[in-house]
Amino acid sequence: MTSENVVRLFFLFWSLIVMVPLLVLFAYSFFETKNFATIYKPTMTTWYSLFDSGRLEVTVRTLRIALTVTLIAFVIAFPFSLWLAKGTRNKTTKAIVLALLTIPFFLDLSSRIIIWRSVLSNTGLINYVFLNLGLTKEPIDWLLYNEWSVHFGMLVTYFPTMVLPIYMAITIIDDSLIAASGDLGASPAQTLFKIIVPLSLPGILTGFILTLGPAIAAWIEPSMLGGGFVNLLSNSVESAYTALKYPVVAALSSFVMLLLGILVVALGLLTRRLGGFGSVFAVLRS
């Protein structure tokens, strides 16, 4: 079997496993539910109803929180990844940090998030410490059940997905390039923005996609840390599923994927100055 046939077989398999269910999901969104029963007659009613009952506000909130979490994660993750890849030479330290970043993936997300409720609540660890140290006279009540706690929970969850791709991209940058930049008189800032950042763009773009996508579809963090006060699109999906409105679930899920697709296209347009995705990822082949 030639390599071309292998690629075709893989594409066919990928289409059957991934694309077909997505197409079925999208097609299902053009039905509607009446009296808890799905009416299998094509209609746009379900799509028209998406923005009823404040769903437009929920969409804007979802995008705002997802983009904010992604940007904050990048601002923190990039210098951390740079230090991990090039700043530390101790292999033991690097191994421990990488283990700490990957171990959470083997744990249930709800178990990792719910523990923060006992840390951030009025009777939690933070308030206990602050009250006993005399830093506050009353418990801090804004640490939980608001957008701040949702942001915090999502940052904790998606920080590794931003760090690891950037770390891997920076790791493959030849140290001689960085050393040559300094030998030619470049300042650390010039080396950072003219050598390291351009060569690490594949990891940066991958980190953005791997963080932004799950952040848009996140439901555990707003449910457990938002306390019902921070509704996102995922909460609307859960409510529709509970009410047996499966076409609405399909439409909302399709809408989330559409939003992610639009953001990825926008990200691609931003990279056109660098020659597009192909040119950005070409560094991995060099």
C-alpha atoms as a PDB file:
ATOM      1  CA  MET A   1       0.000   0.000   0.000  1.00  0.00           C
ATOM      2  CA  THR A   2       1.442   3.336  -1.082  1.00  0.00           C
ATOM      3  CA  SER A   3       1.696   6.329   1.212  1.00  0.00           C
ATOM      4  CA  GLU A   4      -0.950   8.108  -0.859  1.00  0.00           C
ATOM      5  CA  ASN A   5      -3.406   5.264  -0.301  1.00  0.00           C
ATOM      6  CA  VAL A   6      -2.623   5.319   3.419  1.00  0.00           C
ATOM      7  CA  VAL A   7      -3.436   9.031   3.516  1.00  0.00           C
ATOM      8  CA  ARG A   8      -6.702   8.448   1.664  1.00  0.00           C
ATOM      9  CA  LEU A   9      -7.638   5.603   3.987  1.00  0.00           C
ATOM     10  CA  PHE A  10      -6.871   7.724   7.018  1.00  0.00           C
ATOM     11  CA  PHE A  11      -8.946  10.611   5.641  1.00  0.00           C
ATOM     12  CA  LEU A  12     -11.866   8.251   5.028  1.00  0.00           C
ATOM     13  CA  PHE A  13     -11.589   6.797   8.524  1.00  0.00           C
ATOM     14  CA  TRP A  14     -11.300  10.293  10.049  1.00  0.00           C
ATOM     15  CA  SER A  15     -14.348  11.430   8.092  1.00  0.00           C
ATOM     16  CA  LEU A  16     -16.427   8.507   9.320  1.00  0.00           C
ATOM     17  CA  ILE A  17     -15.377   8.858  12.948  1.00  0.00           C
ATOM     18  CA  VAL A  18     -15.366  12.653  13.265  1.00  0.00           C
ATOM     19  CA  MET A  19     -17.093  14.416  10.414  1.00  0.00           C
ATOM     20  CA  VAL A  20     -20.152  12.181   9.998  1.00  0.00           C
ATOM     21  CA  PRO A  21     -21.331  12.622  13.630  1.00  0.00           C
ATOM     22  CA  LEU A  22     -20.795  16.377  13.332  1.00  0.00           C
ATOM     23  CA  LEU A  23     -22.821  16.504  10.124  1.00  0.00           C
ATOM     24  CA  VAL A  24     -25.592  14.462  11.744  1.00  0.00           C
ATOM     25  CA  LEU A  25     -25.517  16.847  14.719  1.00  0.00           C
ATOM     26  CA  PHE A  26     -25.792  19.847  12.400  1.00  0.00           C
ATOM     27  CA  ALA A  27     -28.657  18.262  10.453  1.00  0.00           C
ATOM     28  CA  TYR A  28     -30.490  17.463  13.695  1.00  0.00           C
ATOM     29  CA  SER A  29     -30.452  21.174  14.583  1.00  0.00           C
ATOM     30  CA  PHE A  30     -32.979  21.821  11.800  1.00  0.00           C
ATOM     31  CA  PHE A  31     -35.685  19.868  13.616  1.00  0.00           C
ATOM     32  CA  GLU A  32     -37.744  21.112  16.545  1.00  0.00           C
ATOM     33  CA  THR A  33     -39.234  19.823  19.772  1.00  0.00           C
ATOM     34  CA  LYS A  34     -42.921  19.958  20.643  1.00  0.00           C
ATOM     35  CA  ASN A  35     -44.379  18.452  23.807  1.00  0.00           C
ATOM     36  CA  PHE A  36     -41.074  16.709  24.577  1.00  0.00           C
ATOM     37  CA  ALA A  37     -41.126  15.005  21.176  1.00  0.00           C
ATOM     38  CA  THR A  38     -38.801  15.702  18.260  1.00  0.00           C
ATOM     39  CA  ILE A  39     -40.586  16.704  15.049  1.00  0.00           C
ATOM     40  CA  TYR A  40     -38.545  15.368  12.133  1.00  0.00           C
ATOM     41  CA  LYS A  41     -39.527  18.092   9.715  1.00  0.00           C
ATOM     42  CA  PRO A  42     -36.911  20.586   8.453  1.00  0.00           C
ATOM     43  CA  THR A  43     -37.385  24.019   9.952  1.00  0.00           C
ATOM     44  CA  MET A  44     -35.342  27.050  11.024  1.00  0.00           C
ATOM     45  CA  THR A  45     -37.420  27.537  14.167  1.00  0.00           C
ATOM     46  CA  THR A  46     -34.769  26.069  16.452  1.00  0.00           C
ATOM     47  CA  TRP A  47     -32.075  28.353  15.046  1.00  0.00           C
ATOM     48  CA  TYR A  48     -34.365  31.388  15.278  1.00  0.00           C
ATOM     49  CA  SER A  49     -34.965  30.599  18.949  1.00  0.00           C
ATOM     50  CA  LEU A  50     -31.258  30.430  19.827  1.00  0.00           C
ATOM     51  CA  PHE A  51     -31.086  34.062  20.778  1.00  0.00           C
ATOM     52  CA  ASP A  52     -34.337  34.108  22.704  1.00  0.00           C
ATOM     53  CA  SER A  53     -34.331  34.334  26.492  1.00  0.00           C
ATOM     54  CA  GLY A  54     -31.040  36.207  26.687  1.00  0.00           C
ATOM     55  CA  ARG A  55     -28.922  33.765  24.671  1.00  0.00           C
ATOM     56  CA  LEU A  56     -27.261  36.639  22.770  1.00  0.00           C
ATOM     57  CA  GLU A  57     -26.021  38.003  26.098  1.00  0.00           C
ATOM     58  CA  VAL A  58     -24.853  34.498  27.041  1.00  0.00           C
ATOM     59  CA  THR A  59     -22.961  34.227  23.741  1.00  0.00           C
ATOM     60  CA  VAL A  60     -21.191  37.533  24.271  1.00  0.00           C
ATOM     61  CA  ARG A  61     -20.308  36.543  27.842  1.00  0.00           C
ATOM     62  CA  THR A  62     -18.977  33.182  26.668  1.00  0.00           C
ATOM     63  CA  LEU A  63     -16.739  34.760  24.035  1.00  0.00           C
ATOM     64  CA  ARG A  64     -15.523  37.433  26.440  1.00  0.00           C
ATOM     65  CA  ILE A  65     -14.591  34.965  29.157  1.00  0.00           C
ATOM     66  CA  ALA A  66     -13.031  32.466  26.723  1.00  0.00           C
ATOM     67  CA  LEU A  67     -10.901  35.130  25.025  1.00  0.00           C
ATOM     68  CA  THR A  68      -9.895  36.697  28.340  1.00  0.00           C
ATOM     69  CA  VAL A  69      -8.869  33.344  29.797  1.00  0.00           C
ATOM     70  CA  THR A  70      -6.892  32.508  26.641  1.00  0.00           C
ATOM     71  CA  LEU A  71      -5.023  35.831  26.635  1.00  0.00           C
ATOM     72  CA  ILE A  72      -4.232  35.708  30.357  1.00  0.00           C
ATOM     73  CA  ALA A  73      -3.070  32.105  30.011  1.00  0.00           C
ATOM     74  CA  PHE A  74      -0.762  33.134  27.149  1.00  0.00           C
ATOM     75  CA  VAL A  75       0.691  36.103  29.053  1.00  0.00           C
ATOM     76  CA  ILE A  76       1.569  33.813  31.948  1.00  0.00           C
ATOM     77  CA  ALA A  77       2.457  30.712  29.918  1.00  0.00           C
ATOM     78  CA  PHE A  78       4.911  32.225  27.442  1.00  0.00           C
ATOM     79  CA  PRO A  79       7.541  33.443  29.945  1.00  0.00           C
ATOM     80  CA  PHE A  80       6.992  30.280  31.984  1.00  0.00           C
ATOM     81  CA  SER A  81       7.544  28.111  28.888  1.00  0.00           C
ATOM     82  CA  LEU A  82      10.618  30.125  27.934  1.00  0.00           C
ATOM     83  CA  TRP A  83      12.096  29.614  31.385  1.00  0.00           C
ATOM     84  CA  LEU A  84      11.253  25.908  31.342  1.00  0.00           C
ATOM     85  CA  ALA A  85      12.715  25.344  27.866  1.00  0.00           C
ATOM     86  CA  LYS A  86      15.786  27.578  27.950  1.00  0.00           C
ATOM     87  CA  GLY A  87      16.125  29.061  31.426  1.00  0.00           C
ATOM     88  CA  THR A  88      16.486  25.931  33.506  1.00  0.00           C
ATOM     89  CA  ARG A  89      19.258  23.433  32.781  1.00  0.00           C
ATOM     90  CA  ASN A  90      18.445  21.146  35.678  1.00  0.00           C
ATOM     91  CA  LYS A  91      16.843  18.041  34.161  1.00  0.00           C
ATOM     92  CA  THR A  92      15.293  17.015  37.476  1.00  0.00           C
ATOM     93  CA  THR A  93      13.550  20.376  37.869  1.00  0.00           C
ATOM     94  CA  LYS A  94      12.315  20.226  34.293  1.00  0.00           C
ATOM     95  CA  ALA A  95      11.004  16.682  34.742  1.00  0.00           C
ATOM     96  CA  ILE A  96       9.172  17.612  37.945  1.00  0.00           C
ATOM     97  CA  VAL A  97       7.543  20.670  36.359  1.00  0.00           C
ATOM     98  CA  LEU A  98       6.469  18.701  33.276  1.00  0.00           C
ATOM     99  CA  ALA A  99       5.030  15.996  35.508  1.00  0.00           C
ATOM    100  CA  LEU A 100       3.063  18.581  37.487  1.00  0.00           C
ATOM    101  CA  LEU A 101       1.691  19.956  34.209  1.00  0.00           C
ATOM    102  CA  THR A 102       0.666  16.578  32.804  1.00  0.00           C
ATOM    103  CA  ILE A 103      -0.604  14.780  35.926  1.00  0.00           C
ATOM    104  CA  PRO A 104      -3.870  16.815  36.013  1.00  0.00           C
ATOM    105  CA  PHE A 105      -4.833  15.307  32.637  1.00  0.00           C
ATOM    106  CA  PHE A 106      -5.134  11.929  34.359  1.00  0.00           C
ATOM    107  CA  LEU A 107      -7.570  13.274  36.961  1.00  0.00           C
ATOM    108  CA  ASP A 108     -11.269  13.909  36.567  1.00  0.00           C
ATOM    109  CA  LEU A 109     -11.858  17.596  35.822  1.00  0.00           C
ATOM    110  CA  SER A 110     -14.824  17.919  38.181  1.00  0.00           C
ATOM    111  CA  SER A 111     -12.703  16.525  41.028  1.00  0.00           C
ATOM    112  CA  ARG A 112      -9.972  19.064  40.289  1.00  0.00           C
ATOM    113  CA  ILE A 113     -12.406  21.992  40.163  1.00  0.00           C
ATOM    114  CA  ILE A 114     -14.694  21.216  43.091  1.00  0.00           C
ATOM    115  CA  ILE A 115     -11.747  21.338  45.517  1.00  0.00           C
ATOM    116  CA  TRP A 116     -11.421  25.062  44.822  1.00  0.00           C
ATOM    117  CA  ARG A 117     -14.850  25.633  46.367  1.00  0.00           C
ATOM    118  CA  SER A 118     -13.408  24.678  49.748  1.00  0.00           C
ATOM    119  CA  VAL A 119     -10.488  27.020  49.131  1.00  0.00           C
ATOM    120  CA  LEU A 120     -12.377  30.079  47.859  1.00  0.00           C
ATOM    121  CA  SER A 121     -15.578  29.934  49.928  1.00  0.00           C
ATOM    122  CA  ASN A 122     -16.365  32.195  52.880  1.00  0.00           C
ATOM    123  CA  THR A 123     -15.278  29.427  55.242  1.00  0.00           C
ATOM    124  CA  GLY A 124     -12.474  28.247  52.958  1.00  0.00           C
ATOM    125  CA  LEU A 125      -8.720  28.147  53.344  1.00  0.00           C
ATOM    126  CA  ILE A 126      -8.008  31.643  52.009  1.00  0.00           C
ATOM    127  CA  ASN A 127     -10.522  33.357  54.282  1.00  0.00           C
ATOM    128  CA  TYR A 128      -9.381  31.229  57.224  1.00  0.00           C
ATOM    129  CA  VAL A 129      -5.784  32.374  56.744  1.00  0.00           C
ATOM    130  CA  PHE A 130      -6.716  36.019  56.164  1.00  0.00           C
ATOM    131  CA  LEU A 131      -8.984  36.160  59.206  1.00  0.00           C
ATOM    132  CA  ASN A 132      -6.459  34.500  61.521  1.00  0.00           C
ATOM    133  CA  LEU A 133      -3.663  36.782  60.326  1.00  0.00           C
ATOM    134  CA  GLY A 134      -5.880  39.815  60.904  1.00  0.00           C
ATOM    135  CA  LEU A 135      -5.678  40.876  57.246  1.00  0.00           C
ATOM    136  CA  THR A 136      -9.472  41.115  57.046  1.00  0.00           C
ATOM    137  CA  LYS A 137     -12.185  41.526  59.644  1.00  0.00           C
ATOM    138  CA  GLU A 138     -14.860  39.739  57.614  1.00  0.00           C
ATOM    139  CA  PRO A 139     -14.703  36.886  55.087  1.00  0.00           C
ATOM    140  CA  ILE A 140     -14.028  37.935  51.507  1.00  0.00           C
ATOM    141  CA  ASP A 141     -17.248  37.040  49.715  1.00  0.00           C
ATOM    142  CA  TRP A 142     -16.225  37.776  46.101  1.00  0.00           C
ATOM    143  CA  LEU A 143     -13.851  34.834  45.744  1.00  0.00           C
ATOM    144  CA  LEU A 144     -16.582  32.403  44.704  1.00  0.00           C
ATOM    145  CA  TYR A 145     -19.730  32.245  42.602  1.00  0.00           C
ATOM    146  CA  ASN A 146     -18.899  35.023  40.153  1.00  0.00           C
ATOM    147  CA  GLU A 147     -16.988  35.623  36.927  1.00  0.00           C
ATOM    148  CA  TRP A 148     -13.718  35.997  38.831  1.00  0.00           C
ATOM    149  CA  SER A 149     -13.913  32.453  40.193  1.00  0.00           C
ATOM    150  CA  VAL A 150     -14.902  31.115  36.762  1.00  0.00           C
ATOM    151  CA  HIS A 151     -11.890  32.849  35.190  1.00  0.00           C
ATOM    152  CA  PHE A 152      -9.654  31.429  37.901  1.00  0.00           C
ATOM    153  CA  GLY A 153     -10.978  27.890  37.502  1.00  0.00           C
ATOM    154  CA  MET A 154     -10.587  27.974  33.726  1.00  0.00           C
ATOM    155  CA  LEU A 155      -7.053  29.353  33.995  1.00  0.00           C
ATOM    156  CA  VAL A 156      -6.102  26.519  36.325  1.00  0.00           C
ATOM    157  CA  THR A 157      -7.649  24.004  33.917  1.00  0.00           C
ATOM    158  CA  TYR A 158      -6.267  25.276  30.621  1.00  0.00           C
ATOM    159  CA  PHE A 159      -2.864  26.604  31.683  1.00  0.00           C
ATOM    160  CA  PRO A 160      -1.124  23.291  30.765  1.00  0.00           C
ATOM    161  CA  THR A 161      -2.751  23.253  27.307  1.00  0.00           C
ATOM    162  CA  MET A 162      -1.195  26.652  26.652  1.00  0.00           C
ATOM    163  CA  VAL A 163       2.193  25.890  28.206  1.00  0.00           C
ATOM    164  CA  LEU A 164       3.005  22.516  26.666  1.00  0.00           C
ATOM    165  CA  PRO A 165       2.759  23.462  22.932  1.00  0.00           C
ATOM    166  CA  ILE A 166       4.748  26.663  23.498  1.00  0.00           C
ATOM    167  CA  TYR A 167       7.345  24.786  25.536  1.00  0.00           C
ATOM    168  CA  MET A 168       7.775  22.173  22.804  1.00  0.00           C
ATOM    169  CA  ALA A 169       8.132  24.870  20.114  1.00  0.00           C
ATOM    170  CA  ILE A 170      10.740  26.791  22.112  1.00  0.00           C
ATOM    171  CA  THR A 171      12.625  23.604  22.957  1.00  0.00           C
ATOM    172  CA  ILE A 172      13.418  22.874  19.291  1.00  0.00           C
ATOM    173  CA  ILE A 173      14.890  26.362  18.753  1.00  0.00           C
ATOM    174  CA  ASP A 174      18.624  25.890  18.299  1.00  0.00           C
ATOM    175  CA  ASP A 175      20.549  27.478  21.165  1.00  0.00           C
ATOM    176  CA  SER A 176      23.202  28.600  18.674  1.00  0.00           C
ATOM    177  CA  LEU A 177      20.677  30.961  17.063  1.00  0.00           C
ATOM    178  CA  ILE A 178      20.037  32.655  20.393  1.00  0.00           C
ATOM    179  CA  ALA A 179      23.756  32.818  21.141  1.00  0.00           C
ATOM    180  CA  ALA A 180      24.509  34.218  17.674  1.00  0.00           C
ATOM    181  CA  SER A 181      21.871  36.894  18.160  1.00  0.00           C
ATOM    182  CA  GLY A 182      23.606  38.043  21.337  1.00  0.00           C
ATOM    183  CA  ASP A 183      27.052  37.885  19.709  1.00  0.00           C
ATOM    184  CA  LEU A 184      25.828  40.159  16.915  1.00  0.00           C
ATOM    185  CA  GLY A 185      24.840  42.796  19.454  1.00  0.00           C
ATOM    186  CA  ALA A 186      21.120  42.135  19.805  1.00  0.00           C
ATOM    187  CA  SER A 187      19.563  43.009  23.133  1.00  0.00           C
ATOM    188  CA  PRO A 188      17.574  40.364  25.047  1.00  0.00           C
ATOM    189  CA  ALA A 189      14.355  42.051  23.909  1.00  0.00           C
ATOM    190  CA  GLN A 190      15.462  41.984  20.263  1.00  0.00           C
ATOM    191  CA  THR A 191      16.410  38.322  20.541  1.00  0.00           C
ATOM    192  CA  LEU A 192      13.039  37.581  22.108  1.00  0.00           C
ATOM    193  CA  PHE A 193      10.888  39.342  19.520  1.00  0.00           C
ATOM    194  CA  LYS A 194      12.979  38.658  16.399  1.00  0.00           C
ATOM    195  CA  ILE A 195      14.198  35.120  17.080  1.00  0.00           C
ATOM    196  CA  ILE A 196      12.285  33.319  19.809  1.00  0.00           C
ATOM    197  CA  VAL A 197       8.734  34.582  19.217  1.00  0.00           C
ATOM    198  CA  PRO A 198       8.708  34.008  15.409  1.00  0.00           C
ATOM    199  CA  LEU A 199      10.190  30.518  15.771  1.00  0.00           C
ATOM    200  CA  SER A 200       7.772  29.601  18.554  1.00  0.00           C
ATOM    201  CA  LEU A 201       4.665  30.748  16.650  1.00  0.00           C
ATOM    202  CA  PRO A 202       3.561  27.149  15.853  1.00  0.00           C
ATOM    203  CA  GLY A 203       3.389  26.442  19.581  1.00  0.00           C
ATOM    204  CA  ILE A 204       1.679  29.759  20.294  1.00  0.00           C
ATOM    205  CA  LEU A 205      -1.027  29.171  17.677  1.00  0.00           C
ATOM    206  CA  THR A 206      -1.526  25.582  18.851  1.00  0.00           C
ATOM    207  CA  GLY A 207      -1.788  26.781  22.447  1.00  0.00           C
ATOM    208  CA  PHE A 208      -4.371  29.395  21.481  1.00  0.00           C
ATOM    209  CA  ILE A 209      -6.521  26.837  19.641  1.00  0.00           C
ATOM    210  CA  LEU A 210      -6.220  24.153  22.342  1.00  0.00           C
ATOM    211  CA  THR A 211      -7.148  26.695  25.018  1.00  0.00           C
ATOM    212  CA  LEU A 212      -9.772  28.780  23.247  1.00  0.00           C
ATOM    213  CA  GLY A 213     -11.804  25.815  21.978  1.00  0.00           C
ATOM    214  CA  PRO A 214     -12.328  24.115  25.349  1.00  0.00           C
ATOM    215  CA  ALA A 215     -12.827  27.511  27.024  1.00  0.00           C
ATOM    216  CA  ILE A 216     -15.773  28.274  24.737  1.00  0.00           C
ATOM    217  CA  ALA A 217     -17.320  24.887  25.495  1.00  0.00           C
ATOM    218  CA  ALA A 218     -16.462  24.853  29.225  1.00  0.00           C
ATOM    219  CA  TRP A 219     -19.311  23.911  31.564  1.00  0.00           C
ATOM    220  CA  ILE A 220     -17.755  22.390  34.689  1.00  0.00           C
ATOM    221  CA  GLU A 221     -16.029  25.600  35.823  1.00  0.00           C
ATOM    222  CA  PRO A 222     -19.100  27.876  35.420  1.00  0.00           C
ATOM    223  CA  SER A 223     -21.335  25.238  37.003  1.00  0.00           C
ATOM    224  CA  MET A 224     -19.166  24.525  40.044  1.00  0.00           C
ATOM    225  CA  LEU A 225     -17.473  27.894  40.578  1.00  0.00           C
ATOM    226  CA  GLY A 226     -20.115  30.150  39.050  1.00  0.00           C
ATOM    227  CA  GLY A 227     -22.843  28.783  41.273  1.00  0.00           C
ATOM    228  CA  GLY A 228     -25.510  29.383  38.650  1.00  0.00           C
ATOM    229  CA  PHE A 229     -24.700  33.105  38.484  1.00  0.00           C
ATOM    230  CA  VAL A 230     -22.402  32.860  35.426  1.00  0.00           C
ATOM    231  CA  ASN A 231     -24.291  31.215  32.592  1.00  0.00           C
ATOM    232  CA  LEU A 232     -22.353  30.291  29.462  1.00  0.00           C
ATOM    233  CA  LEU A 233     -23.400  28.564  26.248  1.00  0.00           C
ATOM    234  CA  SER A 234     -22.481  25.215  27.765  1.00  0.00           C
ATOM    235  CA  ASN A 235     -25.025  25.803  30.531  1.00  0.00           C
ATOM    236  CA  SER A 236     -27.674  26.474  27.886  1.00  0.00           C
ATOM    237  CA  VAL A 237     -26.753  23.160  26.242  1.00  0.00           C
ATOM    238  CA  GLU A 238     -27.099  21.349  29.572  1.00  0.00           C
ATOM    239  CA  SER A 239     -30.476  23.007  30.269  1.00  0.00           C
ATOM    240  CA  ALA A 240     -31.783  22.074  26.823  1.00  0.00           C
ATOM    241  CA  TYR A 241     -30.594  18.495  27.259  1.00  0.00           C
ATOM    242  CA  THR A 242     -32.314  18.242  30.638  1.00  0.00           C
ATOM    243  CA  ALA A 243     -35.524  19.516  29.037  1.00  0.00           C
ATOM    244  CA  LEU A 244     -35.183  16.856  26.282  1.00  0.00           C
ATOM    245  CA  LYS A 245     -34.865  19.563  23.619  1.00  0.00           C
ATOM    246  CA  TYR A 246     -32.353  17.654  21.530  1.00  0.00           C
ATOM    247  CA  PRO A 247     -32.609  19.861  18.401  1.00  0.00           C
ATOM    248  CA  VAL A 248     -31.768  22.855  20.600  1.00  0.00           C
ATOM    249  CA  VAL A 249     -28.783  20.925  21.976  1.00  0.00           C
ATOM    250  CA  ALA A 250     -27.667  20.208  18.402  1.00  0.00           C
ATOM    251  CA  ALA A 251     -28.127  23.839  17.347  1.00  0.00           C
ATOM    252  CA  LEU A 252     -26.237  25.211  20.352  1.00  0.00           C
ATOM    253  CA  SER A 253     -23.413  22.711  19.876  1.00  0.00           C
ATOM    254  CA  SER A 254     -23.208  23.584  16.188  1.00  0.00           C
ATOM    255  CA  PHE A 255     -23.204  27.263  17.085  1.00  0.00           C
ATOM    256  CA  VAL A 256     -20.285  26.747  19.486  1.00  0.00           C
ATOM    257  CA  MET A 257     -18.307  24.982  16.739  1.00  0.00           C
ATOM    258  CA  LEU A 258     -19.194  27.784  14.336  1.00  0.00           C
ATOM    259  CA  LEU A 259     -17.877  30.378  16.783  1.00  0.00           C
ATOM    260  CA  LEU A 260     -14.646  28.419  17.176  1.00  0.00           C
ATOM    261  CA  GLY A 261     -14.319  28.152  13.398  1.00  0.00           C
ATOM    262  CA  ILE A 262     -14.767  31.917  13.016  1.00  0.00           C
ATOM    263  CA  LEU A 263     -12.123  32.581  15.662  1.00  0.00           C
ATOM    264  CA  VAL A 264      -9.691  30.165  13.998  1.00  0.00           C
ATOM    265  CA  VAL A 265     -10.262  31.896  10.650  1.00  0.00           C
ATOM    266  CA  ALA A 266      -9.654  35.260  12.338  1.00  0.00           C
ATOM    267  CA  LEU A 267      -6.453  33.839  13.811  1.00  0.00           C
ATOM    268  CA  GLY A 268      -5.451  32.686  10.350  1.00  0.00           C
ATOM    269  CA  LEU A 269      -6.036  36.179   8.952  1.00  0.00           C
ATOM    270  CA  LEU A 270      -3.781  37.608  11.643  1.00  0.00           C
ATOM    271  CA  THR A 271      -0.988  35.281  10.502  1.00  0.00           C
ATOM    272  CA  ARG A 272      -1.260  36.301   6.847  1.00  0.00           C
ATOM    273  CA  ARG A 273       1.430  38.898   7.388  1.00  0.00           C
ATOM    274  CA  LEU A 274       3.709  36.006   8.248  1.00  0.00           C
ATOM    275  CA  GLY A 275       2.697  34.065   5.166  1.00  0.00           C
ATOM    276  CA  GLY A 276      -0.227  32.138   6.638  1.00  0.00           C
ATOM    277  CA  PHE A 277      -0.415  28.933   8.640  1.00  0.00           C
ATOM    278  CA  GLY A 278       1.751  27.078   6.133  1.00  0.00           C
ATOM    279  CA  SER A 279       4.678  29.435   6.520  1.00  0.00           C
ATOM    280  CA  VAL A 280       4.312  29.606  10.279  1.00  0.00           C
ATOM    281  CA  PHE A 281       4.393  25.826  10.686  1.00  0.00           C
ATOM    282  CA  ALA A 282       7.112  25.379   8.051  1.00  0.00           C
ATOM    283  CA  VAL A 283       9.670  25.988  10.806  1.00  0.00           C
ATOM    284  CA  LEU A 284       8.808  22.572  12.224  1.00  0.00           C
ATOM    285  CA  ARG A 285      10.064  20.928   9.026  1.00  0.00           C
ATOM    286  CA  SER A 286      13.384  22.749   9.068  1.00  0.00           C
END
